[in-house]
Protein backbone atom coordinates (compact mmCIF):
# COMPACT_ATOMS: atom_id res chain seq x y z
CA UNK A 1 -0.92 1.52 20.09
CA UNK A 2 -2.30 -1.77 18.90
CA UNK A 3 -5.27 -0.14 17.18
CA UNK A 4 -4.07 2.45 14.66
CA UNK A 5 -7.56 3.86 14.17
CA UNK A 6 -7.72 4.70 17.87
CA UNK A 7 -4.41 6.54 17.80
CA UNK A 8 -4.63 10.32 17.75
CA UNK A 9 -1.27 10.37 15.97
CA UNK A 10 -1.50 7.80 13.17
CA UNK A 11 -4.33 9.05 10.99
CA UNK A 12 -6.27 7.61 8.10
CA UNK A 13 -6.74 9.10 4.69
CA UNK A 14 -10.31 10.07 3.83
CA UNK A 15 -12.43 7.18 2.57
CA UNK A 16 -12.19 6.91 -1.20
CA UNK A 17 -9.04 9.03 -1.46
CA UNK A 18 -7.18 8.22 -4.66
CA UNK A 19 -3.43 8.03 -4.21
CA UNK A 20 -2.97 9.65 -7.59
CA UNK A 21 -4.98 12.72 -6.56
CA UNK A 22 -4.13 13.40 -2.93
CA UNK A 23 -4.60 16.89 -1.60
CA UNK A 24 -1.66 18.72 -0.01
CA UNK A 25 -3.24 17.90 3.36
CA UNK A 26 -3.38 14.20 2.52
CA UNK A 27 0.26 14.27 1.39
CA UNK A 28 1.17 15.96 4.69
CA UNK A 29 -0.74 13.22 6.54
CA UNK A 30 1.18 10.44 4.76
CA UNK A 31 4.48 12.21 5.50
CA UNK A 32 3.52 12.77 9.15
CA UNK A 33 2.63 9.08 9.53
CA UNK A 34 5.92 8.08 7.89
CA UNK A 35 7.84 10.31 10.30
CA UNK A 36 5.94 8.87 13.24
CA UNK A 37 6.69 5.33 12.12
CA UNK A 38 10.32 6.32 11.61
CA UNK A 39 10.84 7.86 15.05
CA UNK A 40 8.20 6.88 17.53
CA UNK A 41 7.31 3.25 17.13
CA UNK A 42 9.21 0.21 18.23
CA UNK A 43 9.34 -2.83 15.92
CA UNK A 44 6.87 -4.58 18.23
CA UNK A 45 4.42 -1.68 18.05
CA UNK A 46 4.80 -1.56 14.28
CA UNK A 47 3.99 -5.25 13.92
CA UNK A 48 0.69 -4.73 15.70
CA UNK A 49 -0.53 -2.07 13.27
CA UNK A 50 -1.65 -4.47 10.53
CA UNK A 51 -1.57 -7.76 12.42
CA UNK A 52 -4.08 -10.16 10.92
CA UNK A 53 -4.47 -8.20 7.68
CA UNK A 54 -4.02 -10.02 4.39
CA UNK A 55 -2.51 -8.13 1.46
CA UNK A 56 -2.00 -9.28 -2.10
CA UNK A 57 1.00 -8.45 -4.25
CA UNK A 58 0.26 -8.93 -7.95
CA UNK A 59 3.54 -8.95 -9.87
CA UNK A 60 5.59 -11.16 -12.15
CA UNK A 61 8.33 -11.88 -9.61
CA UNK A 62 8.25 -11.61 -5.83
CA UNK A 63 12.04 -11.27 -5.99
CA UNK A 64 11.92 -7.94 -7.85
CA UNK A 65 13.34 -5.04 -5.81
CA UNK A 66 10.05 -3.13 -5.75
CA UNK A 67 8.14 -6.24 -4.76
CA UNK A 68 10.61 -6.73 -1.93
CA UNK A 69 10.07 -3.15 -0.70
CA UNK A 70 6.31 -3.71 -0.56
CA UNK A 71 6.59 -7.12 1.07
CA UNK A 72 9.02 -5.95 3.73
CA UNK A 73 6.95 -2.84 4.48
CA UNK A 74 3.82 -4.94 4.98
CA UNK A 75 5.56 -7.70 6.94
CA UNK A 76 7.13 -5.13 9.28
CA UNK A 77 3.59 -3.95 10.07
CA UNK A 78 2.45 -7.49 10.85
CA UNK A 79 0.47 -8.12 7.66
CA UNK A 80 0.53 -11.30 5.60
CA UNK A 81 1.44 -10.87 1.92
CA UNK A 82 0.37 -13.29 -0.79
CA UNK A 83 2.17 -13.18 -4.14
CA UNK A 84 -0.14 -13.54 -7.12
CA UNK A 85 1.18 -13.79 -10.66
CA UNK A 86 -0.61 -11.41 -13.02
CA UNK A 87 -3.03 -13.03 -15.41
CA UNK A 88 -5.42 -10.12 -15.75
CA UNK A 89 -5.68 -8.53 -19.16
CA UNK A 90 -7.19 -5.26 -20.33
CA UNK A 91 -10.40 -4.59 -18.45
CA UNK A 92 -13.61 -5.51 -20.14
CA UNK A 93 -17.14 -6.43 -19.16
CA UNK A 94 -15.90 -9.97 -18.80
CA UNK A 95 -17.58 -11.81 -15.97
CA UNK A 96 -14.27 -13.57 -15.25
CA UNK A 97 -12.43 -10.29 -14.76
CA UNK A 98 -15.11 -8.90 -12.45
CA UNK A 99 -15.33 -12.14 -10.51
CA UNK A 100 -11.54 -12.18 -10.03
CA UNK A 101 -11.47 -8.58 -8.81
CA UNK A 102 -14.36 -9.16 -6.43
CA UNK A 103 -12.70 -12.30 -5.10
CA UNK A 104 -9.55 -10.27 -4.40
CA UNK A 105 -11.76 -7.88 -2.43
CA UNK A 106 -13.11 -10.72 -0.32
CA UNK A 107 -9.76 -12.34 0.36
CA UNK A 108 -7.54 -9.31 0.96
CA UNK A 109 -7.71 -5.95 2.69
CA UNK A 110 -5.56 -4.31 -0.02
CA UNK A 111 -3.80 -5.18 -3.29
CA UNK A 112 -0.49 -3.87 -4.67
CA UNK A 113 -0.28 -4.18 -8.46
CA UNK A 114 3.13 -3.98 -10.10
CA UNK A 115 3.64 -4.21 -13.84
CA UNK A 116 -0.05 -4.02 -14.77
CA UNK A 117 -1.58 -1.48 -17.10
CA UNK A 118 -3.11 1.48 -15.20
CA UNK A 119 -6.53 0.75 -16.72
CA UNK A 120 -6.41 -2.79 -15.34
CA UNK A 121 -5.41 -1.52 -11.89
CA UNK A 122 -8.21 1.05 -11.94
CA UNK A 123 -10.78 -1.56 -12.93
CA UNK A 124 -9.61 -3.95 -10.21
CA UNK A 125 -9.94 -1.10 -7.72
CA UNK A 126 -13.50 -0.33 -8.84
CA UNK A 127 -14.60 -3.95 -8.67
CA UNK A 128 -12.68 -5.11 -5.57
CA UNK A 129 -13.97 -2.46 -3.19
CA UNK A 130 -10.67 -2.31 -1.29
CA UNK A 131 -7.54 -0.17 -1.64
CA UNK A 132 -5.73 -1.17 -4.83
CA UNK A 133 -2.33 0.45 -5.35
CA UNK A 134 -0.62 0.99 -8.69
CA UNK A 135 3.08 0.26 -8.03
CA UNK A 136 3.03 2.02 -4.65
CA UNK A 137 6.50 0.68 -3.78
CA UNK A 138 8.13 1.79 -7.02
CA UNK A 139 10.61 4.63 -7.34
CA UNK A 140 8.33 6.15 -9.98
CA UNK A 141 5.19 6.31 -7.83
CA UNK A 142 3.98 9.88 -7.18
CA UNK A 143 4.41 9.37 -3.41
CA UNK A 144 8.00 8.13 -3.69
CA UNK A 145 9.27 11.72 -3.59
CA UNK A 146 8.06 11.97 0.04
CA UNK A 147 10.94 9.66 1.01
CA UNK A 148 13.44 12.49 0.60
CA UNK A 149 11.71 14.42 3.42
CA UNK A 150 12.53 11.68 5.93
CA UNK A 151 15.80 11.24 7.84
CA UNK A 152 18.72 11.09 5.46
CA UNK A 153 16.90 13.14 2.86
CA UNK A 154 17.13 10.44 0.21
CA UNK A 155 14.69 8.34 -1.75
CA UNK A 156 16.45 5.20 -0.56
CA UNK A 157 14.78 1.85 0.03
CA UNK A 158 14.36 2.39 3.78
CA UNK A 159 12.61 5.73 3.34
CA UNK A 160 10.43 4.41 0.49
CA UNK A 161 9.47 1.51 2.74
CA UNK A 162 8.40 4.01 5.44
CA UNK A 163 6.24 5.89 2.94
CA UNK A 164 4.64 2.60 1.84
CA UNK A 165 4.01 1.74 5.49
CA UNK A 166 2.45 5.14 6.11
CA UNK A 167 0.09 4.64 3.16
CA UNK A 168 -0.80 1.12 4.30
CA UNK A 169 -1.53 2.29 7.85
CA UNK A 170 -3.54 5.23 6.48
CA UNK A 171 -5.65 3.16 4.09
CA UNK A 172 -5.81 -0.38 5.47
CA UNK A 173 -5.36 0.00 9.21
């Protein structure tokens, strides 16, 4: 199970799927992947799913609880996570903004943005050409409610981490 794209069980979301507008089928796919990760994979298998992938975490503090959820989810899958302090402002036609977003797209396979304005996150996503998440690991993210459908039936940190992992495997893997 070292190649998630070759697995008939772990599936990818359709190319270009926006996490804010997932279909019921896409939501079911994320939940199915979270359940599979929860029950069927050993820690060693999990670490191979995103081995060698580089992810960026843009947030004010890497010690924030939501930043920790994202970092742990990615690390458990074998990815490397770089913390970047946010210096991006409202999107504009600024060459600096576009250059920064495109550079993120060259350096990382995905970016988690926490504490940025939604318009900034959307613009980074358009320019970077990679998955860019808007506070995916937060309790307030639209996918966070999927955590209650996992074992324990709660939106606790462990279940949120599994949902984040399912999204990462579905979009980055």
